[in-house]
């Protein structure tokens, strides 16, 4: 599970979903659902609500805050 204090990492979610969609030939819905579940969420909507982003849309989760994403 790649969450810190219940906060998902947007970058990991988006990267996993994209890889599963294009390389795994999954539908976008299934790819996003699978990526969300890998971080402990039940749906893509649930994880998107939990993202912590700045006003430019960049992830500010505890993992990303320690490096330049």
Foldseek 3Di string as FASTA:
>chain_A
DQADPPAHAPVQLVVQLVCCVPVVVDPSQVSNQVSQVVVPDRGNVVNVVRFDADPVRHGCGPVCVVDPD
